[in-house]
Amino acid sequence: MSHTSLSRAMSLASPSEKFADLFTPKLVTVWREGYTRAQFGADVVAGLTVAIVALPLSTAIAIASGASPQAGLFASAIGGFFVSALGGSRFQIGGPAGAFIVLVATTIEKFGYSGFVAATLMAGAFLLAIGYLRLGTYIKYIPHSVAVGFTAAIGLIIFTSQLHELFGLRLDHEPAAFLPKVEALWAARGTLNPQAFFLAVACLGLIVGLRAFAPRFPGLLAAVAFALFATWGLDLQIETIGSRFGALPQSLPAPSLPTLALADWWRLVPAALAIAVLGGIESLLSAVVADGMTGRRHRSNCELAAQGWANIASALFGGLCVTGAIARTATNIRAGAHGPVAGMLHAVMLLAFLMVAAPLASHIPLAALAAILTLVSWNMIERDQIAAILKSDRGEAVILLVTAGLTVFEDIIVGIAAGVTLGALIFMHKMAQVVAVETGEALFEEDRADATEEGGGADPDFLVYRIAGPFFFGAVNSVAATLDQIGRRPKIFVLDLSRVPLADGAAAHALHNFISRERKHGVKVILAGASRGVHRTLAAHGVNSRLVHFSPDVADARAYGDNHKIDKAIAET
């Protein structure tokens, strides 16, 4: 086989190889490495530890979202199993997350639970598309200030949503929107239940104390157990899971699809996109945290595809939407997990608990779950990051405040969309300020020295300008205005593009107009140092060799210009 044929064969084979590398689950990787009995034992211990943490969290998140408690357990058991079995991270634990509470509650309030299930199914399909089309890379371009502002706003909203359980308030209906919720809570202040309040405070104190003095002890489960015995032993008159929602089921329901009209599915698209984007961001962030703790590398697109399958599976059984859970993933790593089997076992253990201990779970006080979510909301507000952003950059501070404000007072989708849009505008403004049109004669001593040595500095018929920075639509007006203000028209005009990393169609159009105008006045224009990508963009928009001469650098352009003047002089004689 010839070298050319071999190269062609390798290039044809590479896409499938790359696909396999990108989408092979970490479970397969662990099995290929060799999986020992000792490693399985470590995964059993880690899976049990995470299940103990996930049990009260999944239940609390489901209730705070306006769903039934079993919806959170189904999501952790079914969705969590698929995240670990198919995912691109060794240690990722999947399940319902606090960041989704507001979005889920709003979707349920607008479209009912069947509508939310349909939105979760669609979100799973969107995540599959994002993963298999390898679009996960673009999620990282969401500004950091958007993520910080959004999570802080969600933390505030979660805390507000738990006030009625913390104080034992009686509400006929609790609105999902922030301001109406605050008004309803204030109106119900006379129904405060001191027993619920003091039990919630005791649970908070127990969890915080155990984290400080016995961090390895399962503080969340200890708080739930304490609340159970306190409610039974003291005969407290407070609401429990059973009194609010009835008995929990002891088996999985049959998988089913929601029955909605086509128009209703279409109305759910914005909510489904929000679930998919938020789930993608949260899961990849969790995977990055896991990489930092272990030194491993996750496969982002494989992880997103697994999140897609997990959300579809969870929705088929009526569960909440699923994502990578940072706190549970970190717990999994600290517990000594070896690989994805730990996450799969955590899901199996949760399902076993549902089948065996569901009657006991019905007696869990809601005040205890509210205490757990109060701590979750507090931990979601990254106070050090907020302070750093507010102090360091005015533009980032505006993005953070706008994202947080709109998320709290308007809508989660509006908050994220506004933050991302504002972030893009501020970034483009900064990039446009970076772009400059320079002349070596005026700005750079080394350029003036080079020009003098080559004899170009004294030649009035030869002028060199340089564009430095990304030449895109945001910078077109300033660059065009500078070029239009050039005081004299030389015979040879060289535009140095060696410091232009990229150019777009607007930039090419502006150059085309400038070059066409100069040609009408008899000026020979030379573009020097254009990279292959910039050259391709310019040529696609008419700035080609028929209109302008391309040189590899300014020195070659100067030599070409000298020859051009000589040829023109000979032709004129």
Protein backbone atom coordinates (compact mmCIF):
# COMPACT_ATOMS: atom_id res chain seq x y z
CA MET A 1 0.00 0.00 0.00
CA SER A 2 1.32 3.46 -0.89
CA HIS A 3 1.89 6.17 1.70
CA THR A 4 -1.04 8.18 0.28
CA SER A 5 -3.36 5.18 0.38
CA LEU A 6 -2.30 4.39 3.95
CA SER A 7 -2.97 7.98 5.07
CA ARG A 8 -6.37 7.92 3.39
CA ALA A 9 -7.25 4.62 5.07
CA MET A 10 -6.17 5.95 8.46
CA SER A 11 -8.22 9.13 8.02
CA LEU A 12 -11.28 7.06 7.10
CA ALA A 13 -10.83 4.82 10.12
CA SER A 14 -10.23 7.59 12.62
CA PRO A 15 -13.84 8.85 13.04
CA SER A 16 -15.07 5.48 14.32
CA GLU A 17 -12.04 5.16 16.58
CA LYS A 18 -12.65 8.63 17.94
CA PHE A 19 -16.33 7.84 18.49
CA ALA A 20 -15.41 4.74 20.48
CA ASP A 21 -12.89 6.69 22.52
CA LEU A 22 -15.38 9.46 23.25
CA PHE A 23 -18.43 7.34 24.09
CA THR A 24 -17.06 4.25 25.81
CA PRO A 25 -18.54 4.26 29.33
CA LYS A 26 -16.09 4.34 32.20
CA LEU A 27 -17.67 1.11 33.44
CA VAL A 28 -16.21 -0.65 30.38
CA THR A 29 -12.84 1.00 31.00
CA VAL A 30 -12.80 -0.26 34.60
CA TRP A 31 -13.67 -3.80 33.52
CA ARG A 32 -10.90 -3.76 30.90
CA GLU A 33 -8.38 -2.75 33.55
CA GLY A 34 -9.35 -5.77 35.65
CA TYR A 35 -11.88 -5.63 38.46
CA THR A 36 -10.92 -7.42 41.69
CA ARG A 37 -12.89 -8.61 44.69
CA ALA A 38 -11.20 -6.01 46.88
CA GLN A 39 -12.26 -3.26 44.50
CA PHE A 40 -15.81 -4.57 44.55
CA GLY A 41 -15.74 -4.47 48.36
CA ALA A 42 -14.64 -0.83 48.25
CA ASP A 43 -17.48 -0.03 45.86
CA VAL A 44 -20.02 -1.75 48.16
CA VAL A 45 -18.95 0.42 51.10
CA ALA A 46 -18.99 3.59 48.99
CA GLY A 47 -22.36 2.73 47.45
CA LEU A 48 -23.92 2.19 50.88
CA THR A 49 -22.45 5.47 52.18
CA VAL A 50 -23.82 7.45 49.24
CA ALA A 51 -27.22 5.76 49.51
CA ILE A 52 -27.44 6.87 53.15
CA VAL A 53 -26.76 10.46 52.06
CA ALA A 54 -29.01 10.30 48.99
CA LEU A 55 -32.05 8.89 50.79
CA PRO A 56 -33.09 12.00 52.76
CA LEU A 57 -31.82 14.39 50.06
CA SER A 58 -33.80 12.76 47.26
CA THR A 59 -36.96 12.79 49.35
CA ALA A 60 -36.48 16.40 50.47
CA ILE A 61 -35.74 17.68 46.97
CA ALA A 62 -38.83 15.94 45.57
CA ILE A 63 -41.12 17.44 48.22
CA ALA A 64 -39.60 20.92 47.76
CA SER A 65 -40.16 20.60 44.01
CA GLY A 66 -43.87 20.02 44.45
CA ALA A 67 -43.63 16.31 43.62
CA SER A 68 -44.26 13.18 45.68
CA PRO A 69 -41.39 11.80 47.81
CA GLN A 70 -41.16 8.62 45.74
CA ALA A 71 -40.46 10.70 42.62
CA GLY A 72 -37.10 11.65 44.12
CA LEU A 73 -36.33 8.07 45.13
CA PHE A 74 -37.27 6.76 41.67
CA ALA A 75 -34.99 9.35 40.08
CA SER A 76 -32.03 8.40 42.30
CA ALA A 77 -32.59 4.67 41.82
CA ILE A 78 -33.41 4.51 38.10
CA GLY A 79 -31.66 7.59 36.78
CA GLY A 80 -28.67 7.17 39.10
CA PHE A 81 -28.13 3.63 37.85
CA PHE A 82 -27.97 4.75 34.21
CA VAL A 83 -25.67 7.68 35.00
CA SER A 84 -23.12 5.33 36.58
CA ALA A 85 -23.52 2.48 34.08
CA LEU A 86 -23.28 4.58 30.90
CA GLY A 87 -21.47 7.72 32.03
CA GLY A 88 -18.08 9.13 31.16
CA SER A 89 -16.99 9.68 34.77
CA ARG A 90 -15.76 6.95 37.10
CA PHE A 91 -17.29 8.48 40.21
CA GLN A 92 -20.34 10.46 39.11
CA ILE A 93 -23.46 9.95 41.23
CA GLY A 94 -26.69 10.88 39.50
CA GLY A 95 -29.99 11.92 41.01
CA PRO A 96 -32.24 14.92 41.67
CA ALA A 97 -30.38 18.12 42.57
CA GLY A 98 -31.28 21.24 44.50
CA ALA A 99 -30.55 23.44 41.49
CA PHE A 100 -33.62 21.99 39.75
CA ILE A 101 -36.13 22.69 42.52
CA VAL A 102 -37.36 26.02 41.19
CA LEU A 103 -37.47 24.87 37.57
CA VAL A 104 -39.32 21.67 38.45
CA ALA A 105 -41.78 23.46 40.74
CA THR A 106 -42.53 26.08 38.10
CA THR A 107 -43.01 23.45 35.38
CA ILE A 108 -45.33 21.38 37.57
CA GLU A 109 -47.36 24.46 38.51
CA LYS A 110 -47.80 25.46 34.84
CA PHE A 111 -48.26 22.08 33.16
CA GLY A 112 -49.04 19.56 35.88
CA TYR A 113 -46.89 16.56 36.78
CA SER A 114 -47.57 14.76 33.49
CA GLY A 115 -46.37 17.86 31.66
CA PHE A 116 -43.19 17.89 33.74
CA VAL A 117 -42.58 14.20 32.95
CA ALA A 118 -42.98 14.99 29.25
CA ALA A 119 -40.51 17.89 29.58
CA THR A 120 -38.02 15.55 31.27
CA LEU A 121 -38.37 13.05 28.42
CA MET A 122 -37.69 15.81 25.91
CA ALA A 123 -34.76 17.06 27.98
CA GLY A 124 -33.30 13.57 27.87
CA ALA A 125 -33.60 13.57 24.08
CA PHE A 126 -31.93 17.00 23.91
CA LEU A 127 -29.06 15.77 26.11
CA LEU A 128 -28.62 12.73 23.85
CA ALA A 129 -28.38 15.05 20.84
CA ILE A 130 -25.94 17.38 22.61
CA GLY A 131 -23.76 14.45 23.63
CA TYR A 132 -23.75 12.43 20.40
CA LEU A 133 -23.29 15.54 18.27
CA ARG A 134 -20.31 16.39 20.51
CA LEU A 135 -21.72 19.76 21.48
CA GLY A 136 -20.86 19.36 25.16
CA THR A 137 -17.71 21.39 24.63
CA TYR A 138 -19.79 24.53 24.11
CA ILE A 139 -21.43 24.33 27.54
CA LYS A 140 -18.12 25.44 29.06
CA TYR A 141 -18.53 28.83 27.37
CA ILE A 142 -21.33 29.80 29.75
CA PRO A 143 -19.78 32.58 31.87
CA HIS A 144 -18.67 31.68 35.38
CA SER A 145 -20.56 34.68 36.77
CA VAL A 146 -23.79 33.30 35.28
CA ALA A 147 -23.31 29.98 37.07
CA VAL A 148 -22.46 31.66 40.38
CA GLY A 149 -25.38 34.12 40.17
CA PHE A 150 -27.81 31.40 39.14
CA THR A 151 -26.86 28.96 41.93
CA ALA A 152 -26.97 31.74 44.53
CA ALA A 153 -30.46 32.70 43.38
CA ILE A 154 -31.59 29.07 43.50
CA GLY A 155 -30.17 28.76 47.01
CA LEU A 156 -32.20 31.78 48.13
CA ILE A 157 -35.37 30.43 46.50
CA ILE A 158 -34.91 26.98 48.06
CA PHE A 159 -34.47 28.52 51.51
CA THR A 160 -37.61 30.60 51.04
CA SER A 161 -39.54 27.53 49.91
CA GLN A 162 -38.63 25.71 53.13
CA LEU A 163 -39.74 28.43 55.54
CA HIS A 164 -43.27 27.09 55.84
CA GLU A 165 -41.93 23.66 56.87
CA LEU A 166 -39.28 25.14 59.18
CA PHE A 167 -41.91 27.12 61.05
CA GLY A 168 -44.75 24.63 60.60
CA LEU A 169 -46.93 27.19 58.79
CA ARG A 170 -50.24 26.13 57.29
CA LEU A 171 -50.70 27.23 53.67
CA ASP A 172 -53.61 26.36 51.40
CA HIS A 173 -51.43 27.04 48.37
CA GLU A 174 -47.79 28.04 48.11
CA PRO A 175 -47.01 29.94 44.88
CA ALA A 176 -43.85 29.03 42.97
CA ALA A 177 -42.97 32.68 42.18
CA PHE A 178 -40.73 34.37 44.75
CA LEU A 179 -42.68 37.52 45.67
CA PRO A 180 -46.12 35.83 45.86
CA LYS A 181 -44.49 33.10 47.97
CA VAL A 182 -43.10 35.66 50.44
CA GLU A 183 -46.50 37.35 50.65
CA ALA A 184 -48.25 34.02 51.32
CA LEU A 185 -45.71 33.09 54.02
CA TRP A 186 -46.14 36.45 55.76
CA ALA A 187 -49.92 36.11 55.64
CA ALA A 188 -49.65 32.68 57.32
CA ARG A 189 -47.31 33.82 60.11
CA GLY A 190 -50.04 33.37 62.70
CA THR A 191 -50.14 29.59 62.10
CA LEU A 192 -46.57 28.99 63.36
CA ASN A 193 -46.05 25.57 65.00
CA PRO A 194 -43.38 25.84 67.75
CA GLN A 195 -42.87 22.05 67.82
CA ALA A 196 -41.94 21.96 64.13
CA PHE A 197 -39.65 24.98 64.50
CA PHE A 198 -37.70 23.62 67.48
CA LEU A 199 -37.38 20.17 65.85
CA ALA A 200 -35.98 21.77 62.68
CA VAL A 201 -33.50 23.84 64.73
CA ALA A 202 -32.42 20.70 66.62
CA CYS A 203 -31.85 18.84 63.33
CA LEU A 204 -29.82 21.75 61.95
CA GLY A 205 -27.69 21.84 65.09
CA LEU A 206 -27.14 18.07 64.95
CA ILE A 207 -26.04 18.11 61.31
CA VAL A 208 -23.70 21.09 61.77
CA GLY A 209 -22.25 19.60 64.96
CA LEU A 210 -21.57 16.22 63.36
CA ARG A 211 -19.92 17.88 60.36
CA ALA A 212 -17.61 19.77 62.70
CA PHE A 213 -16.72 16.99 65.15
CA ALA A 214 -17.45 13.74 63.27
CA PRO A 215 -17.38 14.56 59.53
CA ARG A 216 -17.40 10.90 58.47
CA PHE A 217 -20.63 10.21 60.35
CA PRO A 218 -23.79 10.38 58.15
CA GLY A 219 -25.20 13.55 59.67
CA LEU A 220 -28.21 13.79 57.34
CA LEU A 221 -29.40 10.28 58.18
CA ALA A 222 -28.70 10.88 61.87
CA ALA A 223 -30.90 14.00 61.79
CA VAL A 224 -33.73 12.09 60.12
CA ALA A 225 -33.45 9.25 62.67
CA PHE A 226 -33.40 11.75 65.54
CA ALA A 227 -36.50 13.49 64.15
CA LEU A 228 -38.31 10.15 63.78
CA PHE A 229 -37.69 9.11 67.39
CA ALA A 230 -38.37 12.61 68.76
CA THR A 231 -41.71 12.79 66.95
CA TRP A 232 -42.70 9.32 68.18
CA GLY A 233 -41.32 9.63 71.71
CA LEU A 234 -42.63 13.13 72.41
CA ASP A 235 -45.84 12.65 70.43
CA LEU A 236 -45.18 15.83 68.46
CA GLN A 237 -48.09 17.22 66.47
CA ILE A 238 -46.27 17.99 63.24
CA GLU A 239 -46.65 16.98 59.62
CA THR A 240 -44.87 13.92 58.27
CA ILE A 241 -44.41 12.43 54.82
CA GLY A 242 -47.30 10.06 55.48
CA SER A 243 -49.72 12.71 56.74
CA ARG A 244 -49.01 14.92 53.72
CA PHE A 245 -48.57 12.36 50.91
CA GLY A 246 -49.87 9.08 52.24
CA ALA A 247 -47.99 5.78 52.31
CA LEU A 248 -45.01 5.36 50.01
CA PRO A 249 -45.22 2.61 47.37
CA GLN A 250 -43.08 -0.48 47.98
CA SER A 251 -42.40 -1.25 44.32
CA LEU A 252 -41.66 0.49 41.06
CA PRO A 253 -44.60 1.50 38.87
CA ALA A 254 -44.90 0.18 35.33
CA PRO A 255 -43.10 2.43 32.82
CA SER A 256 -45.45 4.65 30.86
CA LEU A 257 -45.50 7.69 28.57
CA PRO A 258 -47.47 10.85 29.37
CA THR A 259 -50.54 11.37 27.21
CA LEU A 260 -50.44 14.94 25.93
CA ALA A 261 -51.67 16.69 22.83
CA LEU A 262 -49.05 17.69 20.25
CA ALA A 263 -49.57 21.38 21.02
CA ASP A 264 -48.82 20.71 24.70
CA TRP A 265 -45.53 18.99 23.82
CA TRP A 266 -44.56 22.05 21.79
CA ARG A 267 -45.34 24.38 24.71
CA LEU A 268 -42.99 22.33 26.88
CA VAL A 269 -39.94 22.88 24.66
CA PRO A 270 -38.56 25.92 26.61
CA ALA A 271 -38.83 24.06 29.92
CA ALA A 272 -37.23 20.95 28.40
CA LEU A 273 -34.35 22.99 27.00
CA ALA A 274 -33.83 24.63 30.40
CA ILE A 275 -33.74 21.21 32.10
CA ALA A 276 -31.28 19.90 29.50
CA VAL A 277 -28.93 22.90 29.67
CA LEU A 278 -29.01 23.09 33.46
CA GLY A 279 -28.54 19.33 33.72
CA GLY A 280 -25.61 19.43 31.31
CA ILE A 281 -23.91 22.26 33.20
CA GLU A 282 -24.45 20.64 36.60
CA SER A 283 -23.29 17.18 35.50
CA LEU A 284 -20.12 18.43 33.79
CA LEU A 285 -19.32 20.66 36.75
CA SER A 286 -19.69 17.66 39.04
CA ALA A 287 -17.46 15.59 36.76
CA VAL A 288 -14.79 18.31 36.79
CA VAL A 289 -14.90 18.38 40.60
CA ALA A 290 -14.46 14.59 40.62
CA ASP A 291 -11.49 14.89 38.23
CA GLY A 292 -9.88 17.44 40.54
CA MET A 293 -10.28 15.14 43.55
CA THR A 294 -8.95 12.01 41.82
CA GLY A 295 -6.63 13.11 39.01
CA ARG A 296 -8.80 11.29 36.45
CA ARG A 297 -10.33 12.68 33.25
CA HIS A 298 -13.99 12.34 32.37
CA ARG A 299 -15.49 12.06 28.86
CA SER A 300 -17.82 15.01 28.67
CA ASN A 301 -19.93 14.01 25.66
CA CYS A 302 -20.28 10.45 26.94
CA GLU A 303 -21.41 11.89 30.28
CA LEU A 304 -24.04 14.07 28.60
CA ALA A 305 -25.36 11.12 26.59
CA ALA A 306 -25.63 9.09 29.80
CA GLN A 307 -27.53 11.95 31.43
CA GLY A 308 -29.91 11.83 28.46
CA TRP A 309 -30.61 8.12 28.87
CA ALA A 310 -30.93 8.55 32.65
CA ASN A 311 -33.55 11.31 32.32
CA ILE A 312 -35.56 9.30 29.81
CA ALA A 313 -35.50 6.24 32.08
CA SER A 314 -36.40 8.26 35.19
CA ALA A 315 -39.29 9.98 33.41
CA LEU A 316 -40.70 6.65 32.18
CA PHE A 317 -41.08 5.61 35.84
CA GLY A 318 -42.44 8.99 36.93
CA GLY A 319 -39.20 10.20 38.52
CA LEU A 320 -37.70 13.67 38.70
CA CYS A 321 -35.10 14.94 36.26
CA VAL A 322 -31.57 13.69 36.91
CA THR A 323 -28.12 15.26 36.86
CA GLY A 324 -24.70 14.76 38.37
CA ALA A 325 -24.89 15.57 42.10
CA ILE A 326 -21.70 17.28 43.30
CA ALA A 327 -22.11 16.58 47.04
CA ARG A 328 -22.99 12.90 46.53
CA THR A 329 -20.18 12.47 43.98
CA ALA A 330 -17.67 13.93 46.44
CA THR A 331 -19.05 11.64 49.17
CA ASN A 332 -18.59 8.68 46.83
CA ILE A 333 -14.93 9.54 46.28
CA ARG A 334 -14.20 10.15 49.97
CA ALA A 335 -15.83 6.81 50.81
CA GLY A 336 -13.19 5.03 48.71
CA ALA A 337 -15.11 4.15 45.52
CA HIS A 338 -13.09 2.47 42.79
CA GLY A 339 -15.39 3.03 39.84
CA PRO A 340 -18.96 3.22 38.49
CA VAL A 341 -20.08 0.05 40.28
CA ALA A 342 -20.34 2.11 43.48
CA GLY A 343 -22.88 4.41 41.85
CA MET A 344 -24.84 1.45 40.49
CA LEU A 345 -24.92 -0.17 43.93
CA HIS A 346 -26.08 3.11 45.50
CA ALA A 347 -29.07 3.02 43.13
CA VAL A 348 -29.84 -0.62 43.93
CA MET A 349 -29.66 0.03 47.68
CA LEU A 350 -32.07 2.96 47.40
CA LEU A 351 -34.51 0.77 45.51
CA ALA A 352 -34.16 -1.93 48.19
CA PHE A 353 -34.89 0.64 50.89
CA LEU A 354 -38.02 1.73 49.06
CA MET A 355 -39.27 -1.86 48.93
CA VAL A 356 -38.42 -2.73 52.54
CA ALA A 357 -38.58 0.44 54.65
CA ALA A 358 -41.26 2.53 52.91
CA PRO A 359 -43.69 2.32 55.89
CA LEU A 360 -40.99 3.71 58.20
CA ALA A 361 -40.17 6.55 55.79
CA SER A 362 -43.79 7.70 55.95
CA HIS A 363 -43.18 8.85 59.54
CA ILE A 364 -40.28 11.20 58.66
CA PRO A 365 -41.19 14.75 59.78
CA LEU A 366 -41.20 17.35 57.04
CA ALA A 367 -39.44 19.78 59.39
CA ALA A 368 -36.37 17.51 59.38
CA LEU A 369 -36.27 17.48 55.58
CA ALA A 370 -36.65 21.27 55.59
CA ALA A 371 -33.60 21.50 57.86
CA ILE A 372 -31.60 19.40 55.38
CA LEU A 373 -32.61 21.61 52.45
CA THR A 374 -31.82 24.74 54.43
CA LEU A 375 -28.21 23.56 54.65
CA VAL A 376 -28.25 22.62 50.97
CA SER A 377 -29.42 26.12 50.04
CA TRP A 378 -26.75 27.72 52.26
CA ASN A 379 -24.00 25.64 50.62
CA MET A 380 -25.24 26.58 47.14
CA ILE A 381 -24.45 30.28 47.75
CA GLU A 382 -20.74 30.55 46.94
CA ARG A 383 -20.02 33.56 49.11
CA ASP A 384 -16.28 33.74 48.39
CA GLN A 385 -16.88 33.57 44.63
CA ILE A 386 -19.55 36.27 44.79
CA ALA A 387 -17.25 38.58 46.75
CA ALA A 388 -14.38 37.99 44.32
CA ILE A 389 -16.54 38.74 41.27
CA LEU A 390 -18.05 41.88 42.78
CA LYS A 391 -14.58 43.22 43.66
CA SER A 392 -12.64 42.26 40.53
CA ASP A 393 -14.67 43.07 37.42
CA ARG A 394 -17.58 45.47 36.95
CA GLY A 395 -18.89 43.67 33.86
CA GLU A 396 -18.85 40.26 35.57
CA ALA A 397 -20.55 41.81 38.58
CA VAL A 398 -23.37 43.13 36.39
CA ILE A 399 -23.79 39.68 34.81
CA LEU A 400 -23.97 38.04 38.24
CA LEU A 401 -26.51 40.53 39.61
CA VAL A 402 -28.71 40.45 36.50
CA THR A 403 -28.71 36.64 36.41
CA ALA A 404 -29.48 36.33 40.11
CA GLY A 405 -32.11 39.07 40.10
CA LEU A 406 -34.03 37.79 37.09
CA THR A 407 -33.84 34.19 38.34
CA VAL A 408 -35.34 35.18 41.69
CA PHE A 409 -37.91 37.75 40.61
CA GLU A 410 -38.78 36.68 37.06
CA ASP A 411 -37.99 33.20 35.82
CA ILE A 412 -35.12 30.72 35.77
CA ILE A 413 -35.04 30.56 31.96
CA VAL A 414 -35.09 34.34 31.64
CA GLY A 415 -32.29 34.64 34.20
CA ILE A 416 -29.96 32.21 32.44
CA ALA A 417 -30.76 33.57 28.96
CA ALA A 418 -30.20 37.17 30.04
CA GLY A 419 -26.96 36.30 31.82
CA VAL A 420 -25.53 34.39 28.86
CA THR A 421 -26.59 37.11 26.39
CA LEU A 422 -25.17 39.89 28.56
CA GLY A 423 -21.98 37.91 29.05
CA ALA A 424 -21.58 37.47 25.28
CA LEU A 425 -22.15 41.19 24.66
CA ILE A 426 -19.64 42.22 27.32
CA PHE A 427 -17.10 39.74 25.97
CA MET A 428 -17.52 41.03 22.41
CA HIS A 429 -17.17 44.61 23.65
CA LYS A 430 -13.91 43.70 25.37
CA MET A 431 -12.63 41.91 22.27
CA ALA A 432 -13.54 44.88 20.09
CA GLN A 433 -11.50 47.12 22.37
CA VAL A 434 -8.51 44.80 21.98
CA VAL A 435 -8.52 45.19 18.19
CA ALA A 436 -6.36 48.05 16.94
CA VAL A 437 -5.07 49.41 13.66
CA GLU A 438 -1.39 50.14 14.13
CA THR A 439 1.28 51.78 12.07
CA GLY A 440 4.83 50.84 12.92
CA GLU A 441 6.00 54.36 12.04
CA ALA A 442 3.87 55.89 14.81
CA LEU A 443 3.51 53.26 17.53
CA PHE A 444 6.39 50.84 17.55
CA GLU A 445 10.05 51.78 17.75
CA GLU A 446 11.15 48.39 16.44
CA ASP A 447 8.87 48.72 13.42
CA ARG A 448 10.24 52.18 12.65
CA ALA A 449 13.78 50.84 12.95
CA ASP A 450 13.01 47.93 10.64
CA ALA A 451 11.35 50.22 8.12
CA THR A 452 14.35 52.59 8.13
CA GLU A 453 16.83 49.75 7.66
CA GLU A 454 14.91 48.49 4.66
CA GLY A 455 14.55 51.96 3.21
CA GLY A 456 10.79 51.81 3.52
CA GLY A 457 10.48 54.47 6.14
CA ALA A 458 11.66 57.17 3.73
CA ASP A 459 9.50 55.99 0.80
CA PRO A 460 6.36 58.16 0.57
CA ASP A 461 4.84 55.71 -1.95
CA PHE A 462 4.88 52.80 0.52
CA LEU A 463 2.65 52.62 3.62
CA VAL A 464 2.24 49.76 6.10
CA TYR A 465 -0.60 49.37 8.59
CA ARG A 466 -1.28 46.45 10.89
CA ILE A 467 -4.56 45.10 12.31
CA ALA A 468 -3.96 43.41 15.65
CA GLY A 469 -6.60 41.28 17.39
CA PRO A 470 -9.70 39.34 16.35
CA PHE A 471 -11.22 41.14 13.36
CA PHE A 472 -14.96 40.48 13.73
CA PHE A 473 -18.23 42.35 13.43
CA GLY A 474 -17.83 44.02 16.83
CA ALA A 475 -14.58 45.68 15.71
CA VAL A 476 -15.46 46.43 12.09
CA ASN A 477 -16.66 50.00 12.63
CA SER A 478 -13.59 51.15 14.56
CA VAL A 479 -11.19 49.48 12.10
CA ALA A 480 -13.04 50.85 9.06
CA ALA A 481 -13.09 54.36 10.55
CA THR A 482 -9.34 54.23 11.17
CA LEU A 483 -8.61 53.06 7.63
CA ASP A 484 -10.88 55.75 6.20
CA GLN A 485 -8.94 58.44 8.10
CA ILE A 486 -5.56 57.61 6.59
CA GLY A 487 -4.19 60.98 5.56
CA ARG A 488 -2.34 60.11 2.36
CA ARG A 489 -2.73 57.66 -0.50
CA PRO A 490 0.53 55.88 -1.34
CA LYS A 491 1.14 53.87 -4.48
CA ILE A 492 1.61 50.72 -2.41
CA PHE A 493 -0.51 50.04 0.69
CA VAL A 494 0.36 47.00 2.81
CA LEU A 495 -2.11 45.78 5.41
CA ASP A 496 -0.37 43.42 7.83
CA LEU A 497 -2.78 40.74 9.12
CA SER A 498 -0.18 38.59 10.87
CA ARG A 499 -1.65 39.45 14.29
CA VAL A 500 -5.26 38.69 13.30
CA PRO A 501 -6.18 35.27 14.76
CA LEU A 502 -9.62 35.21 13.14
CA ALA A 503 -11.89 37.21 10.85
CA ASP A 504 -15.59 36.94 10.02
CA GLY A 505 -17.83 37.93 7.11
CA ALA A 506 -18.39 41.48 8.37
CA ALA A 507 -14.64 42.05 8.51
CA ALA A 508 -14.18 40.62 5.02
CA HIS A 509 -16.94 42.89 3.68
CA ALA A 510 -15.32 45.96 5.25
CA LEU A 511 -11.94 45.06 3.73
CA HIS A 512 -13.54 44.46 0.35
CA ASN A 513 -15.04 47.96 0.39
CA PHE A 514 -11.75 49.55 1.48
CA ILE A 515 -9.67 47.73 -1.15
CA SER A 516 -12.17 48.47 -3.94
CA ARG A 517 -12.12 52.19 -3.08
CA GLU A 518 -8.32 52.33 -2.98
CA ARG A 519 -8.03 50.53 -6.33
CA LYS A 520 -10.21 53.22 -7.92
CA HIS A 521 -7.59 55.76 -6.83
CA GLY A 522 -4.75 53.71 -8.31
CA VAL A 523 -3.45 52.27 -5.03
CA LYS A 524 -2.00 48.75 -5.08
CA VAL A 525 -3.15 46.94 -1.92
CA ILE A 526 -1.20 44.00 -0.49
CA LEU A 527 -2.41 41.82 2.41
CA ALA A 528 0.52 40.35 4.35
CA GLY A 529 0.74 37.53 6.87
CA ALA A 530 -2.87 36.33 6.71
CA SER A 531 -3.29 32.92 8.34
CA ARG A 532 -4.90 30.10 6.43
CA GLY A 533 -8.23 30.52 8.26
CA VAL A 534 -8.31 34.29 7.75
CA HIS A 535 -7.33 33.86 4.08
CA ARG A 536 -10.14 31.36 3.58
CA THR A 537 -12.73 33.69 5.15
CA LEU A 538 -11.61 36.67 3.08
CA ALA A 539 -11.59 34.66 -0.16
CA ALA A 540 -15.11 33.37 0.55
CA HIS A 541 -16.32 36.99 0.64
CA GLY A 542 -14.61 38.20 -2.54
CA VAL A 543 -11.25 39.36 -1.14
CA ASN A 544 -9.23 37.09 -3.41
CA SER A 545 -6.15 37.20 -5.63
CA ARG A 546 -8.12 38.97 -8.40
CA LEU A 547 -8.73 41.90 -6.07
CA VAL A 548 -5.61 42.00 -3.92
CA HIS A 549 -2.13 40.50 -3.68
CA PHE A 550 -1.35 38.19 -0.74
CA SER A 551 2.17 38.05 0.71
CA PRO A 552 3.45 35.79 3.49
CA ASP A 553 4.92 38.73 5.46
CA VAL A 554 5.67 42.46 5.27
CA ALA A 555 9.19 41.95 3.92
CA ASP A 556 7.86 39.95 0.97
CA ALA A 557 5.14 42.57 0.45
CA ARG A 558 7.80 45.31 0.39
CA ALA A 559 9.82 43.39 -2.21
CA TYR A 560 6.71 42.75 -4.29
CA GLY A 561 5.79 46.44 -4.06
CA ASP A 562 9.25 47.52 -5.27
CA ASN A 563 8.99 45.19 -8.27
CA HIS A 564 5.49 46.43 -8.96
CA LYS A 565 6.69 50.07 -9.04
CA ILE A 566 9.54 49.14 -11.37
CA ASP A 567 7.24 47.25 -13.70
CA LYS A 568 4.77 50.12 -13.71
CA ALA A 569 7.50 52.67 -14.46
CA ILE A 570 8.77 50.56 -17.39
CA ALA A 571 5.25 50.21 -18.72
CA GLU A 572 4.71 53.98 -18.54
CA THR A 573 7.94 54.68 -20.48
